[in-house]
Every structure is written in C-alpha cells, then in structure tokens.
Amino acid sequence: MARYHVYGIGNALVDMEYEVAPKDLEVLGIDQGVMTLVDEAKQLEIMLHLGSHHHARASGGSAANTVIGLSQLGGSAYYSCRVADDELGHFYMRDLLDGGVDTNHHTEKEQGHTGRCVVLVTPDGDRTMCTFLGVSGNLSANELVEDALCDADWFYTEGYLVTSPGARAASILAREIAEAAGVRTALSLSDPNMVAYFKDGLLEMIGPGMDLIFANEAEAMGMAGTTDLNDAVDYLKTVSREFAITRGAKGALVWDGKGLIEIAGNKVEVVDTVGAGDMFAGAFLYGLSQGWDHQRAGDLASAASARLVTTLGPRIAREATQAVLKAFI
C-alpha cells in the first residue's frame, strides 16, 4: 500500500482575496474570469487600490488546493513547491502542514519573495486572479522528492506550471518518474489562458498521454480548438485515458475509459468560485483512491465543490468536507 494517495507539484502562492465590483476590474484594466501573470509592482498597485476590500489569505496555488481538499476528506498527500524565507513563506508552510499535507519543507528556503495571488471576487461569485510568482517561478526538479513520488497512488500537477520552463521541465520529469514507478498520472489544465497561450507546452507536459485530465468546458474546448463540447470530448480521449470536464452548475462529464458519465450539479447560492475546480479534483482523486467507481467519485466531487462555492475562500473547513463525505459512506 502506497504511503500517499496523491503526490502533487505546483506553485506555492499565498491567496490574497478581495471582494470587488466589476468597475474595480475596469479601472485596473484587468480581464475578468481568468488568471493573469503580473510583476510585483503591478500586483502591489492592485493591492493598494483595493486595500479596504481585503477579506482573507490562505496557502494556495491550484494543485495545493487540490491536495489540501483531498487531505481534509481523509486522504494522504505530499506537495512539492518552493517558498522564500519571508513571512509569507513561513505562513504558507504552517498553513500547508496544518492542512494535513506533507511537503519538502525540509529544504532550505531562499531569499526573495513568496508567490502571491490576488484573487478578485465579484458579486456574481466569479473569480479573477492576478499572480506574482515570486520564487515559485523558479520551481525546478530540485523540489522533487522521488521517494515520496514513487510511494504514491497518483501524481498530480497543474497546468499553471507551463509558464515557467524550469517548472514545466520538473513536471515532465515527475510524470516520467511516476510512469516508470507505476504511479498513475493526473493533470489539471487550470485556466483558459494557459490553453490559449501555452497549448504546446501543455502537450509536452501530457507527453504520450495522462491517466486523468481535469478541465472545465472552456479549457477542454480550447485544447480541442472547437466550440462544440462533443468535439472536445473526442479530443481529450486522444490525450488521456480518463478525464473529467466540469460544467459549473450543470455538474460534470466524466470519461472512465469505457463510457461517458454525467455527474449532476448541486443547486446552491454561489458566493465565490475560487478553488471550485481544485476541490472537484481533490474529491474525485480521493474517491478513486478509495476504490470507488467514477460515478460515486464524481458525485462526491460535485457535492464538495458545490459546498465550497457557498463561502469565501479557496477551501472549506475539514469539518465541512467531512460532513459532505458522510453522505457517500
């Protein structure tokens, strides 16, 4: 039996969440609903403009949210990342460990700035992200812990790593190590902008094919170069043995390698969609790691992500995830 259900690698970003109005995005010249990389000066300008709107902070990054969600459900996870020897870096590691996730925290932290993600939440619950990677932009193979990777059921990586040559190379190497060790591989496409501007790099990360890909509708159709969801489904079959396409309130479509499964959505009042896809992935991987079929794992993932969007922030308390889980066991 593997020590970890999931070994993840991804950006270490402290999420700085703000509640804003659409006019704030217009004033700042920010595209709504996607992630945009910015330099530190631009991010500080945004934070200064929105100072009175600040809500909370948490350890984040797409893959981090996923492994923390899995851990809160009762799974075991390891996360490789890179933080600086600053206040945010120490906060990040404490928060990660408090979330029940093991990590390469024993490695020496470097000078510099830990990555930050300014998350802008509009009244409709949509999230817009402006990310300064900081030292996370230097994520490399040095952060990989091969013993932990080879002692996991799943390797999981995020599409956001495609923007950095070193991080992309580390993700590819980790996938190759996982494949050689018989560890199943999973990837989240992460964001429509990653697909629009870095498709070739994502295909490098996918390599000969993943065991499982997570995408929302826009990402799936962007990868396929189509506006037809059916065509996107056919395309994903060529790059992954299984996949899940999340569809917001409509639920999800899951391909289990044999047939397409419709996962029902859950009607809730949406407050904040930050981390919804990450939670879906974490809950889905938790279900599969417990030997559940794809229908049951997808139903849990849909319920968990629906619960998440009813509150502000990229995750919910462990007690809340456990309450969702009780309905499925």
C-alpha atoms as a PDB file:
ATOM      1  CA  MET A   1       0.000   0.000   0.000  1.00  0.00           C
ATOM      2  CA  ALA A   2       1.364   3.416  -1.023  1.00  0.00           C
ATOM      3  CA  ARG A   3       2.141   5.940   1.714  1.00  0.00           C
ATOM      4  CA  TYR A   4       0.406   8.765  -0.145  1.00  0.00           C
ATOM      5  CA  HIS A   5      -2.800   8.810  -2.125  1.00  0.00           C
ATOM      6  CA  VAL A   6      -1.553  11.810  -4.128  1.00  0.00           C
ATOM      7  CA  TYR A   7       1.832  13.401  -4.694  1.00  0.00           C
ATOM      8  CA  GLY A   8       1.408  16.894  -6.133  1.00  0.00           C
ATOM      9  CA  ILE A   9       3.711  19.513  -7.536  1.00  0.00           C
ATOM     10  CA  GLY A  10       2.714  23.106  -8.194  1.00  0.00           C
ATOM     11  CA  ASN A  11       3.065  26.764  -7.420  1.00  0.00           C
ATOM     12  CA  ALA A  12       3.118  27.903  -3.806  1.00  0.00           C
ATOM     13  CA  LEU A  13       1.020  31.068  -3.742  1.00  0.00           C
ATOM     14  CA  VAL A  14      -0.486  32.866  -0.801  1.00  0.00           C
ATOM     15  CA  ASP A  15      -4.009  33.731  -1.919  1.00  0.00           C
ATOM     16  CA  MET A  16      -4.916  37.323  -1.026  1.00  0.00           C
ATOM     17  CA  GLU A  17      -8.659  37.555  -1.510  1.00  0.00           C
ATOM     18  CA  TYR A  18     -10.614  40.736  -2.197  1.00  0.00           C
ATOM     19  CA  GLU A  19     -14.315  41.371  -2.717  1.00  0.00           C
ATOM     20  CA  VAL A  20     -14.668  43.838  -5.587  1.00  0.00           C
ATOM     21  CA  ALA A  21     -17.158  45.370  -8.004  1.00  0.00           C
ATOM     22  CA  PRO A  22     -16.860  44.923 -11.788  1.00  0.00           C
ATOM     23  CA  LYS A  23     -15.947  48.611 -12.052  1.00  0.00           C
ATOM     24  CA  ASP A  24     -12.800  47.924  -9.989  1.00  0.00           C
ATOM     25  CA  LEU A  25     -11.630  45.499 -12.676  1.00  0.00           C
ATOM     26  CA  GLU A  26     -12.352  48.097 -15.350  1.00  0.00           C
ATOM     27  CA  VAL A  27     -10.389  50.782 -13.503  1.00  0.00           C
ATOM     28  CA  LEU A  28      -7.420  48.431 -13.079  1.00  0.00           C
ATOM     29  CA  GLY A  29      -7.631  47.159 -16.673  1.00  0.00           C
ATOM     30  CA  ILE A  30      -7.950  43.514 -15.610  1.00  0.00           C
ATOM     31  CA  ASP A  31      -9.664  40.831 -17.701  1.00  0.00           C
ATOM     32  CA  GLN A  32     -12.401  39.161 -15.669  1.00  0.00           C
ATOM     33  CA  GLY A  33     -12.603  35.426 -15.020  1.00  0.00           C
ATOM     34  CA  VAL A  34      -9.038  34.362 -15.886  1.00  0.00           C
ATOM     35  CA  MET A  35      -5.560  34.262 -14.359  1.00  0.00           C
ATOM     36  CA  THR A  36      -3.061  36.890 -15.478  1.00  0.00           C
ATOM     37  CA  LEU A  37       0.624  36.906 -14.544  1.00  0.00           C
ATOM     38  CA  VAL A  38       1.802  40.303 -13.287  1.00  0.00           C
ATOM     39  CA  ASP A  39       5.044  41.685 -11.890  1.00  0.00           C
ATOM     40  CA  GLU A  40       5.383  42.637  -8.244  1.00  0.00           C
ATOM     41  CA  ALA A  41       4.904  46.360  -8.895  1.00  0.00           C
ATOM     42  CA  LYS A  42       1.609  45.812 -10.704  1.00  0.00           C
ATOM     43  CA  GLN A  43       0.348  43.477  -8.023  1.00  0.00           C
ATOM     44  CA  LEU A  44       1.238  45.942  -5.261  1.00  0.00           C
ATOM     45  CA  GLU A  45      -0.594  48.657  -7.212  1.00  0.00           C
ATOM     46  CA  ILE A  46      -3.691  46.435  -7.300  1.00  0.00           C
ATOM     47  CA  MET A  47      -3.441  45.628  -3.588  1.00  0.00           C
ATOM     48  CA  LEU A  48      -3.028  49.301  -2.698  1.00  0.00           C
ATOM     49  CA  HIS A  49      -6.080  50.235  -4.767  1.00  0.00           C
ATOM     50  CA  LEU A  50      -8.169  47.512  -3.134  1.00  0.00           C
ATOM     51  CA  GLY A  51      -6.826  47.698   0.403  1.00  0.00           C
ATOM     52  CA  SER A  52     -10.192  48.247   2.059  1.00  0.00           C
ATOM     53  CA  HIS A  53     -11.704  45.265   0.225  1.00  0.00           C
ATOM     54  CA  HIS A  54      -9.307  42.658   1.653  1.00  0.00           C
ATOM     55  CA  HIS A  55     -11.030  39.578   3.048  1.00  0.00           C
ATOM     56  CA  ALA A  56      -8.537  36.842   3.960  1.00  0.00           C
ATOM     57  CA  ARG A  57      -5.391  34.959   2.992  1.00  0.00           C
ATOM     58  CA  ALA A  58      -4.603  31.252   2.702  1.00  0.00           C
ATOM     59  CA  SER A  59      -1.961  28.945   1.302  1.00  0.00           C
ATOM     60  CA  GLY A  60      -2.960  28.349  -2.275  1.00  0.00           C
ATOM     61  CA  GLY A  61      -1.977  27.520  -5.774  1.00  0.00           C
ATOM     62  CA  SER A  62      -4.182  25.218  -7.809  1.00  0.00           C
ATOM     63  CA  ALA A  63      -2.509  21.901  -7.001  1.00  0.00           C
ATOM     64  CA  ALA A  64      -2.075  22.894  -3.347  1.00  0.00           C
ATOM     65  CA  ASN A  65      -5.816  23.495  -3.041  1.00  0.00           C
ATOM     66  CA  THR A  66      -6.421  20.063  -4.548  1.00  0.00           C
ATOM     67  CA  VAL A  67      -4.152  18.113  -2.206  1.00  0.00           C
ATOM     68  CA  ILE A  68      -5.416  20.036   0.831  1.00  0.00           C
ATOM     69  CA  GLY A  69      -9.003  19.238  -0.184  1.00  0.00           C
ATOM     70  CA  LEU A  70      -8.085  15.566  -0.502  1.00  0.00           C
ATOM     71  CA  SER A  71      -6.378  15.652   2.894  1.00  0.00           C
ATOM     72  CA  GLN A  72      -9.409  17.235   4.550  1.00  0.00           C
ATOM     73  CA  LEU A  73     -11.537  14.375   3.249  1.00  0.00           C
ATOM     74  CA  GLY A  74      -9.179  11.915   4.937  1.00  0.00           C
ATOM     75  CA  GLY A  75      -6.655  11.242   2.172  1.00  0.00           C
ATOM     76  CA  SER A  76      -2.877  11.390   2.468  1.00  0.00           C
ATOM     77  CA  ALA A  77      -0.938  13.829   0.330  1.00  0.00           C
ATOM     78  CA  TYR A  78       2.531  15.228  -0.349  1.00  0.00           C
ATOM     79  CA  TYR A  79       3.170  18.570  -2.028  1.00  0.00           C
ATOM     80  CA  SER A  80       6.402  19.765  -3.621  1.00  0.00           C
ATOM     81  CA  CYS A  81       6.704  23.525  -4.008  1.00  0.00           C
ATOM     82  CA  ARG A  82       9.028  26.497  -3.481  1.00  0.00           C
ATOM     83  CA  VAL A  83       8.678  29.335  -0.965  1.00  0.00           C
ATOM     84  CA  ALA A  84      11.015  32.080   0.226  1.00  0.00           C
ATOM     85  CA  ASP A  85      12.436  32.726   3.675  1.00  0.00           C
ATOM     86  CA  ASP A  86       9.952  35.512   4.340  1.00  0.00           C
ATOM     87  CA  GLU A  87       6.834  35.954   6.470  1.00  0.00           C
ATOM     88  CA  LEU A  88       4.526  34.689   3.714  1.00  0.00           C
ATOM     89  CA  GLY A  89       6.744  31.664   3.120  1.00  0.00           C
ATOM     90  CA  HIS A  90       6.621  30.647   6.777  1.00  0.00           C
ATOM     91  CA  PHE A  91       2.862  31.289   6.837  1.00  0.00           C
ATOM     92  CA  TYR A  92       2.449  29.134   3.736  1.00  0.00           C
ATOM     93  CA  MET A  93       4.292  26.152   5.182  1.00  0.00           C
ATOM     94  CA  ARG A  94       2.434  26.352   8.500  1.00  0.00           C
ATOM     95  CA  ASP A  95      -0.898  26.506   6.692  1.00  0.00           C
ATOM     96  CA  LEU A  96       0.030  23.609   4.413  1.00  0.00           C
ATOM     97  CA  LEU A  97       1.097  21.403   7.316  1.00  0.00           C
ATOM     98  CA  ASP A  98      -1.978  22.417   9.322  1.00  0.00           C
ATOM     99  CA  GLY A  99      -3.985  21.217   6.317  1.00  0.00           C
ATOM    100  CA  GLY A 100      -2.519  17.746   6.824  1.00  0.00           C
ATOM    101  CA  VAL A 101      -0.212  17.791   3.797  1.00  0.00           C
ATOM    102  CA  ASP A 102       3.405  16.625   3.966  1.00  0.00           C
ATOM    103  CA  THR A 103       5.880  18.686   1.957  1.00  0.00           C
ATOM    104  CA  ASN A 104       9.502  19.333   1.047  1.00  0.00           C
ATOM    105  CA  HIS A 105       9.620  21.885   3.882  1.00  0.00           C
ATOM    106  CA  HIS A 106      12.952  20.427   4.998  1.00  0.00           C
ATOM    107  CA  THR A 107      14.676  22.045   2.024  1.00  0.00           C
ATOM    108  CA  GLU A 108      16.465  25.353   2.581  1.00  0.00           C
ATOM    109  CA  LYS A 109      14.303  28.364   1.810  1.00  0.00           C
ATOM    110  CA  GLU A 110      15.854  31.009  -0.424  1.00  0.00           C
ATOM    111  CA  GLN A 111      15.926  34.769  -0.174  1.00  0.00           C
ATOM    112  CA  GLY A 112      13.278  36.620  -2.120  1.00  0.00           C
ATOM    113  CA  HIS A 113       9.514  36.822  -2.110  1.00  0.00           C
ATOM    114  CA  THR A 114       6.996  34.011  -1.758  1.00  0.00           C
ATOM    115  CA  GLY A 115       4.466  33.997  -4.583  1.00  0.00           C
ATOM    116  CA  ARG A 116       1.151  35.788  -4.147  1.00  0.00           C
ATOM    117  CA  CYS A 117      -2.137  35.504  -5.971  1.00  0.00           C
ATOM    118  CA  VAL A 118      -4.516  38.454  -5.718  1.00  0.00           C
ATOM    119  CA  VAL A 119      -7.964  36.903  -6.044  1.00  0.00           C
ATOM    120  CA  LEU A 120     -10.721  39.324  -7.025  1.00  0.00           C
ATOM    121  CA  VAL A 121     -14.244  38.102  -6.325  1.00  0.00           C
ATOM    122  CA  THR A 122     -17.166  39.949  -7.938  1.00  0.00           C
ATOM    123  CA  PRO A 123     -20.763  39.852  -6.607  1.00  0.00           C
ATOM    124  CA  ASP A 124     -21.686  37.121  -9.130  1.00  0.00           C
ATOM    125  CA  GLY A 125     -19.144  34.796  -7.457  1.00  0.00           C
ATOM    126  CA  ASP A 126     -16.739  34.885 -10.411  1.00  0.00           C
ATOM    127  CA  ARG A 127     -13.035  34.948  -9.619  1.00  0.00           C
ATOM    128  CA  THR A 128     -10.266  36.849 -11.370  1.00  0.00           C
ATOM    129  CA  MET A 129      -6.641  36.251 -10.438  1.00  0.00           C
ATOM    130  CA  CYS A 130      -3.520  38.390 -10.741  1.00  0.00           C
ATOM    131  CA  THR A 131      -0.476  36.313  -9.882  1.00  0.00           C
ATOM    132  CA  PHE A 132       3.062  37.318  -8.945  1.00  0.00           C
ATOM    133  CA  LEU A 133       5.000  34.060  -8.873  1.00  0.00           C
ATOM    134  CA  GLY A 134       7.939  35.261  -6.785  1.00  0.00           C
ATOM    135  CA  VAL A 135      10.360  32.412  -6.072  1.00  0.00           C
ATOM    136  CA  SER A 136       7.730  29.914  -7.201  1.00  0.00           C
ATOM    137  CA  GLY A 137       8.679  30.977 -10.714  1.00  0.00           C
ATOM    138  CA  ASN A 138      11.988  29.198 -10.052  1.00  0.00           C
ATOM    139  CA  LEU A 139      10.330  25.876  -9.209  1.00  0.00           C
ATOM    140  CA  SER A 140      12.547  23.132 -10.610  1.00  0.00           C
ATOM    141  CA  ALA A 141      13.474  19.481 -10.376  1.00  0.00           C
ATOM    142  CA  ASN A 142      15.321  20.339  -7.150  1.00  0.00           C
ATOM    143  CA  GLU A 143      11.951  20.420  -5.398  1.00  0.00           C
ATOM    144  CA  LEU A 144      11.048  16.868  -6.430  1.00  0.00           C
ATOM    145  CA  VAL A 145      11.223  14.207  -3.728  1.00  0.00           C
ATOM    146  CA  GLU A 146      11.454  10.989  -5.698  1.00  0.00           C
ATOM    147  CA  ASP A 147      10.922   8.621  -2.770  1.00  0.00           C
ATOM    148  CA  ALA A 148       7.609  10.299  -1.932  1.00  0.00           C
ATOM    149  CA  LEU A 149       6.560  10.438  -5.591  1.00  0.00           C
ATOM    150  CA  CYS A 150       7.195   6.737  -6.095  1.00  0.00           C
ATOM    151  CA  ASP A 151       5.302   5.937  -2.877  1.00  0.00           C
ATOM    152  CA  ALA A 152       2.031   7.469  -4.098  1.00  0.00           C
ATOM    153  CA  ASP A 153      -1.055   6.153  -5.887  1.00  0.00           C
ATOM    154  CA  TRP A 154      -1.329   9.278  -8.031  1.00  0.00           C
ATOM    155  CA  PHE A 155       0.966  12.013  -9.340  1.00  0.00           C
ATOM    156  CA  TYR A 156      -0.889  15.318  -9.829  1.00  0.00           C
ATOM    157  CA  THR A 157       0.298  18.511 -11.494  1.00  0.00           C
ATOM    158  CA  GLU A 158      -1.218  21.817 -12.510  1.00  0.00           C
ATOM    159  CA  GLY A 159      -1.273  23.437 -15.941  1.00  0.00           C
ATOM    160  CA  TYR A 160      -0.082  26.733 -14.469  1.00  0.00           C
ATOM    161  CA  LEU A 161       3.461  25.295 -14.373  1.00  0.00           C
ATOM    162  CA  VAL A 162       3.563  25.533 -18.155  1.00  0.00           C
ATOM    163  CA  THR A 163       4.505  29.239 -17.996  1.00  0.00           C
ATOM    164  CA  SER A 164       7.947  28.565 -16.472  1.00  0.00           C
ATOM    165  CA  PRO A 165      10.492  26.466 -18.428  1.00  0.00           C
ATOM    166  CA  GLY A 166      12.030  25.095 -15.224  1.00  0.00           C
ATOM    167  CA  ALA A 167       8.701  24.241 -13.626  1.00  0.00           C
ATOM    168  CA  ARG A 168       7.428  22.688 -16.837  1.00  0.00           C
ATOM    169  CA  ALA A 169      10.574  20.554 -17.073  1.00  0.00           C
ATOM    170  CA  ALA A 170      10.141  19.477 -13.430  1.00  0.00           C
ATOM    171  CA  SER A 171       6.542  18.467 -14.101  1.00  0.00           C
ATOM    172  CA  ILE A 172       7.576  16.457 -17.152  1.00  0.00           C
ATOM    173  CA  LEU A 173      10.362  14.726 -15.219  1.00  0.00           C
ATOM    174  CA  ALA A 174       7.982  13.923 -12.366  1.00  0.00           C
ATOM    175  CA  ARG A 175       5.492  12.418 -14.814  1.00  0.00           C
ATOM    176  CA  GLU A 176       8.221  10.258 -16.328  1.00  0.00           C
ATOM    177  CA  ILE A 177       9.351   9.068 -12.881  1.00  0.00           C
ATOM    178  CA  ALA A 178       5.742   8.308 -11.956  1.00  0.00           C
ATOM    179  CA  GLU A 179       5.139   6.345 -15.147  1.00  0.00           C
ATOM    180  CA  ALA A 180       8.285   4.279 -14.593  1.00  0.00           C
ATOM    181  CA  ALA A 181       7.197   3.531 -10.996  1.00  0.00           C
ATOM    182  CA  GLY A 182       3.631   2.561 -11.962  1.00  0.00           C
ATOM    183  CA  VAL A 183       2.152   5.680 -10.330  1.00  0.00           C
ATOM    184  CA  ARG A 184      -0.924   6.947 -12.139  1.00  0.00           C
ATOM    185  CA  THR A 185      -0.696  10.459 -13.572  1.00  0.00           C
ATOM    186  CA  ALA A 186      -3.161  13.362 -13.489  1.00  0.00           C
ATOM    187  CA  LEU A 187      -3.120  16.936 -14.778  1.00  0.00           C
ATOM    188  CA  SER A 188      -5.409  19.957 -14.426  1.00  0.00           C
ATOM    189  CA  LEU A 189      -5.457  22.292 -17.430  1.00  0.00           C
ATOM    190  CA  SER A 190      -6.010  25.037 -14.828  1.00  0.00           C
ATOM    191  CA  ASP A 191      -7.107  28.078 -16.820  1.00  0.00           C
ATOM    192  CA  PRO A 192      -8.367  29.078 -20.295  1.00  0.00           C
ATOM    193  CA  ASN A 193      -5.379  31.411 -20.701  1.00  0.00           C
ATOM    194  CA  MET A 194      -2.966  28.523 -20.185  1.00  0.00           C
ATOM    195  CA  VAL A 195      -4.688  26.681 -23.021  1.00  0.00           C
ATOM    196  CA  ALA A 196      -4.887  29.761 -25.260  1.00  0.00           C
ATOM    197  CA  TYR A 197      -1.229  30.767 -24.958  1.00  0.00           C
ATOM    198  CA  PHE A 198       0.658  27.635 -23.881  1.00  0.00           C
ATOM    199  CA  LYS A 199      -1.050  24.699 -25.589  1.00  0.00           C
ATOM    200  CA  ASP A 200       2.204  23.297 -26.993  1.00  0.00           C
ATOM    201  CA  GLY A 201       3.754  23.368 -23.524  1.00  0.00           C
ATOM    202  CA  LEU A 202       0.730  21.609 -22.043  1.00  0.00           C
ATOM    203  CA  LEU A 203       1.072  18.900 -24.669  1.00  0.00           C
ATOM    204  CA  GLU A 204       4.713  18.492 -23.597  1.00  0.00           C
ATOM    205  CA  MET A 205       3.512  18.027 -20.013  1.00  0.00           C
ATOM    206  CA  ILE A 206       0.907  15.493 -21.160  1.00  0.00           C
ATOM    207  CA  GLY A 207       3.518  13.580 -23.154  1.00  0.00           C
ATOM    208  CA  PRO A 208       2.343  10.211 -24.512  1.00  0.00           C
ATOM    209  CA  GLY A 209      -0.880  10.581 -22.528  1.00  0.00           C
ATOM    210  CA  MET A 210      -2.082  11.125 -18.967  1.00  0.00           C
ATOM    211  CA  ASP A 211      -4.157   8.698 -16.951  1.00  0.00           C
ATOM    212  CA  LEU A 212      -6.533  11.513 -15.963  1.00  0.00           C
ATOM    213  CA  ILE A 213      -7.105  15.115 -17.055  1.00  0.00           C
ATOM    214  CA  PHE A 214      -9.281  17.711 -15.326  1.00  0.00           C
ATOM    215  CA  ALA A 215     -10.649  20.639 -17.328  1.00  0.00           C
ATOM    216  CA  ASN A 216     -13.586  22.976 -17.396  1.00  0.00           C
ATOM    217  CA  GLU A 217     -15.617  23.421 -20.582  1.00  0.00           C
ATOM    218  CA  ALA A 218     -13.660  26.435 -21.822  1.00  0.00           C
ATOM    219  CA  GLU A 219     -10.314  24.703 -21.283  1.00  0.00           C
ATOM    220  CA  ALA A 220     -11.450  21.461 -22.910  1.00  0.00           C
ATOM    221  CA  MET A 221     -12.824  23.225 -25.982  1.00  0.00           C
ATOM    222  CA  GLY A 222      -9.743  25.442 -26.183  1.00  0.00           C
ATOM    223  CA  MET A 223      -7.433  22.426 -26.256  1.00  0.00           C
ATOM    224  CA  ALA A 224      -9.557  20.872 -29.000  1.00  0.00           C
ATOM    225  CA  GLY A 225      -9.815  24.127 -30.956  1.00  0.00           C
ATOM    226  CA  THR A 226     -13.589  23.871 -31.080  1.00  0.00           C
ATOM    227  CA  THR A 227     -16.771  25.426 -29.736  1.00  0.00           C
ATOM    228  CA  ASP A 228     -18.505  22.031 -29.649  1.00  0.00           C
ATOM    229  CA  LEU A 229     -18.294  20.161 -26.360  1.00  0.00           C
ATOM    230  CA  ASN A 230     -18.724  16.802 -28.119  1.00  0.00           C
ATOM    231  CA  ASP A 231     -15.636  17.517 -30.218  1.00  0.00           C
ATOM    232  CA  ALA A 232     -13.749  18.433 -27.041  1.00  0.00           C
ATOM    233  CA  VAL A 233     -14.732  15.101 -25.511  1.00  0.00           C
ATOM    234  CA  ASP A 234     -13.416  13.268 -28.572  1.00  0.00           C
ATOM    235  CA  TYR A 235     -10.167  15.236 -28.457  1.00  0.00           C
ATOM    236  CA  LEU A 236      -9.482  14.570 -24.786  1.00  0.00           C
ATOM    237  CA  LYS A 237      -9.823  10.848 -25.462  1.00  0.00           C
ATOM    238  CA  THR A 238      -6.694  11.140 -27.629  1.00  0.00           C
ATOM    239  CA  VAL A 239      -4.520  12.628 -24.858  1.00  0.00           C
ATOM    240  CA  SER A 240      -5.828  10.980 -21.687  1.00  0.00           C
ATOM    241  CA  ARG A 241      -7.161   7.591 -20.723  1.00  0.00           C
ATOM    242  CA  GLU A 242      -9.741   9.214 -18.432  1.00  0.00           C
ATOM    243  CA  PHE A 243     -10.927  12.772 -17.878  1.00  0.00           C
ATOM    244  CA  ALA A 244     -13.417  14.988 -16.099  1.00  0.00           C
ATOM    245  CA  ILE A 245     -14.909  18.129 -17.636  1.00  0.00           C
ATOM    246  CA  THR A 246     -16.501  20.382 -15.042  1.00  0.00           C
ATOM    247  CA  ARG A 247     -19.529  22.417 -16.120  1.00  0.00           C
ATOM    248  CA  GLY A 248     -20.339  24.649 -13.159  1.00  0.00           C
ATOM    249  CA  ALA A 249     -23.969  24.356 -12.083  1.00  0.00           C
ATOM    250  CA  LYS A 250     -24.513  21.716 -14.771  1.00  0.00           C
ATOM    251  CA  GLY A 251     -22.219  19.278 -12.976  1.00  0.00           C
ATOM    252  CA  ALA A 252     -19.571  17.421 -14.964  1.00  0.00           C
ATOM    253  CA  LEU A 253     -18.873  14.902 -17.688  1.00  0.00           C
ATOM    254  CA  VAL A 254     -16.558  12.032 -16.763  1.00  0.00           C
ATOM    255  CA  TRP A 255     -14.929   9.591 -19.181  1.00  0.00           C
ATOM    256  CA  ASP A 256     -13.887   6.441 -17.328  1.00  0.00           C
ATOM    257  CA  GLY A 257     -12.124   4.887 -20.305  1.00  0.00           C
ATOM    258  CA  LYS A 258     -15.205   2.989 -21.412  1.00  0.00           C
ATOM    259  CA  GLY A 259     -18.160   5.334 -21.295  1.00  0.00           C
ATOM    260  CA  LEU A 260     -19.244   8.904 -20.644  1.00  0.00           C
ATOM    261  CA  ILE A 261     -20.838   9.521 -17.246  1.00  0.00           C
ATOM    262  CA  GLU A 262     -22.984  12.555 -16.465  1.00  0.00           C
ATOM    263  CA  ILE A 263     -22.423  13.965 -12.988  1.00  0.00           C
ATOM    264  CA  ALA A 264     -25.324  16.064 -11.711  1.00  0.00           C
ATOM    265  CA  GLY A 265     -24.774  19.559 -10.365  1.00  0.00           C
ATOM    266  CA  ASN A 266     -25.907  20.741  -6.933  1.00  0.00           C
ATOM    267  CA  LYS A 267     -28.115  23.818  -6.615  1.00  0.00           C
ATOM    268  CA  VAL A 268     -26.505  26.279  -4.215  1.00  0.00           C
ATOM    269  CA  GLU A 269     -26.199  30.030  -3.768  1.00  0.00           C
ATOM    270  CA  VAL A 270     -22.833  30.906  -5.268  1.00  0.00           C
ATOM    271  CA  VAL A 271     -20.664  33.276  -3.261  1.00  0.00           C
ATOM    272  CA  ASP A 272     -17.147  32.572  -4.540  1.00  0.00           C
ATOM    273  CA  THR A 273     -15.963  30.106  -7.200  1.00  0.00           C
ATOM    274  CA  VAL A 274     -12.278  30.315  -6.213  1.00  0.00           C
ATOM    275  CA  GLY A 275     -10.876  26.792  -5.890  1.00  0.00           C
ATOM    276  CA  ALA A 276     -14.043  25.018  -7.070  1.00  0.00           C
ATOM    277  CA  GLY A 277     -12.239  23.080  -9.786  1.00  0.00           C
ATOM    278  CA  ASP A 278      -9.371  22.322  -7.418  1.00  0.00           C
ATOM    279  CA  MET A 279     -11.777  20.906  -4.842  1.00  0.00           C
ATOM    280  CA  PHE A 280     -13.509  18.843  -7.532  1.00  0.00           C
ATOM    281  CA  ALA A 281     -10.156  17.306  -8.473  1.00  0.00           C
ATOM    282  CA  GLY A 282      -9.202  16.633  -4.852  1.00  0.00           C
ATOM    283  CA  ALA A 283     -12.503  14.964  -4.003  1.00  0.00           C
ATOM    284  CA  PHE A 284     -12.514  12.980  -7.241  1.00  0.00           C
ATOM    285  CA  LEU A 285      -8.991  11.691  -6.615  1.00  0.00           C
ATOM    286  CA  TYR A 286      -9.946  10.867  -3.037  1.00  0.00           C
ATOM    287  CA  GLY A 287     -12.854   8.755  -4.282  1.00  0.00           C
ATOM    288  CA  LEU A 288     -10.720   6.910  -6.822  1.00  0.00           C
ATOM    289  CA  SER A 289      -8.016   6.306  -4.189  1.00  0.00           C
ATOM    290  CA  GLN A 290     -10.663   4.592  -2.036  1.00  0.00           C
ATOM    291  CA  GLY A 291     -11.559   2.236  -4.855  1.00  0.00           C
ATOM    292  CA  TRP A 292     -14.818   3.997  -5.741  1.00  0.00           C
ATOM    293  CA  ASP A 293     -16.188   3.915  -9.256  1.00  0.00           C
ATOM    294  CA  HIS A 294     -16.174   7.093 -11.325  1.00  0.00           C
ATOM    295  CA  GLN A 295     -19.861   7.819 -10.771  1.00  0.00           C
ATOM    296  CA  ARG A 296     -19.538   7.817  -6.999  1.00  0.00           C
ATOM    297  CA  ALA A 297     -16.254   9.744  -7.063  1.00  0.00           C
ATOM    298  CA  GLY A 298     -17.792  12.305  -9.422  1.00  0.00           C
ATOM    299  CA  ASP A 299     -20.875  12.726  -7.247  1.00  0.00           C
ATOM    300  CA  LEU A 300     -18.662  13.380  -4.211  1.00  0.00           C
ATOM    301  CA  ALA A 301     -16.555  15.848  -6.203  1.00  0.00           C
ATOM    302  CA  SER A 302     -19.655  17.706  -7.380  1.00  0.00           C
ATOM    303  CA  ALA A 303     -21.063  17.925  -3.852  1.00  0.00           C
ATOM    304  CA  ALA A 304     -17.749  19.061  -2.346  1.00  0.00           C
ATOM    305  CA  SER A 305     -17.148  21.769  -4.949  1.00  0.00           C
ATOM    306  CA  ALA A 306     -20.752  22.970  -4.578  1.00  0.00           C
ATOM    307  CA  ARG A 307     -20.241  23.292  -0.834  1.00  0.00           C
ATOM    308  CA  LEU A 308     -17.041  25.244  -1.431  1.00  0.00           C
ATOM    309  CA  VAL A 309     -18.632  27.932  -3.599  1.00  0.00           C
ATOM    310  CA  THR A 310     -21.115  28.862  -0.863  1.00  0.00           C
ATOM    311  CA  THR A 311     -18.362  30.553   1.166  1.00  0.00           C
ATOM    312  CA  LEU A 312     -15.465  32.907   0.513  1.00  0.00           C
ATOM    313  CA  GLY A 313     -12.030  31.398   0.067  1.00  0.00           C
ATOM    314  CA  PRO A 314     -10.299  28.547  -1.789  1.00  0.00           C
ATOM    315  CA  ARG A 315     -11.296  25.865   0.725  1.00  0.00           C
ATOM    316  CA  ILE A 316     -13.725  24.954   3.454  1.00  0.00           C
ATOM    317  CA  ALA A 317     -13.061  23.647   6.945  1.00  0.00           C
ATOM    318  CA  ARG A 318     -12.190  19.997   7.469  1.00  0.00           C
ATOM    319  CA  GLU A 319     -15.438  19.552   9.380  1.00  0.00           C
ATOM    320  CA  ALA A 320     -17.420  20.759   6.366  1.00  0.00           C
ATOM    321  CA  THR A 321     -15.642  18.386   3.975  1.00  0.00           C
ATOM    322  CA  GLN A 322     -16.229  15.527   6.375  1.00  0.00           C
ATOM    323  CA  ALA A 323     -19.927  16.437   6.514  1.00  0.00           C
ATOM    324  CA  VAL A 324     -20.096  16.231   2.717  1.00  0.00           C
ATOM    325  CA  LEU A 325     -18.271  12.888   2.779  1.00  0.00           C
ATOM    326  CA  LYS A 326     -20.740  11.342   5.237  1.00  0.00           C
ATOM    327  CA  ALA A 327     -23.421  11.317   2.569  1.00  0.00           C
ATOM    328  CA  PHE A 328     -21.298   8.952   0.465  1.00  0.00           C
ATOM    329  CA  ILE A 329     -20.075   6.420   3.025  1.00  0.00           C
END
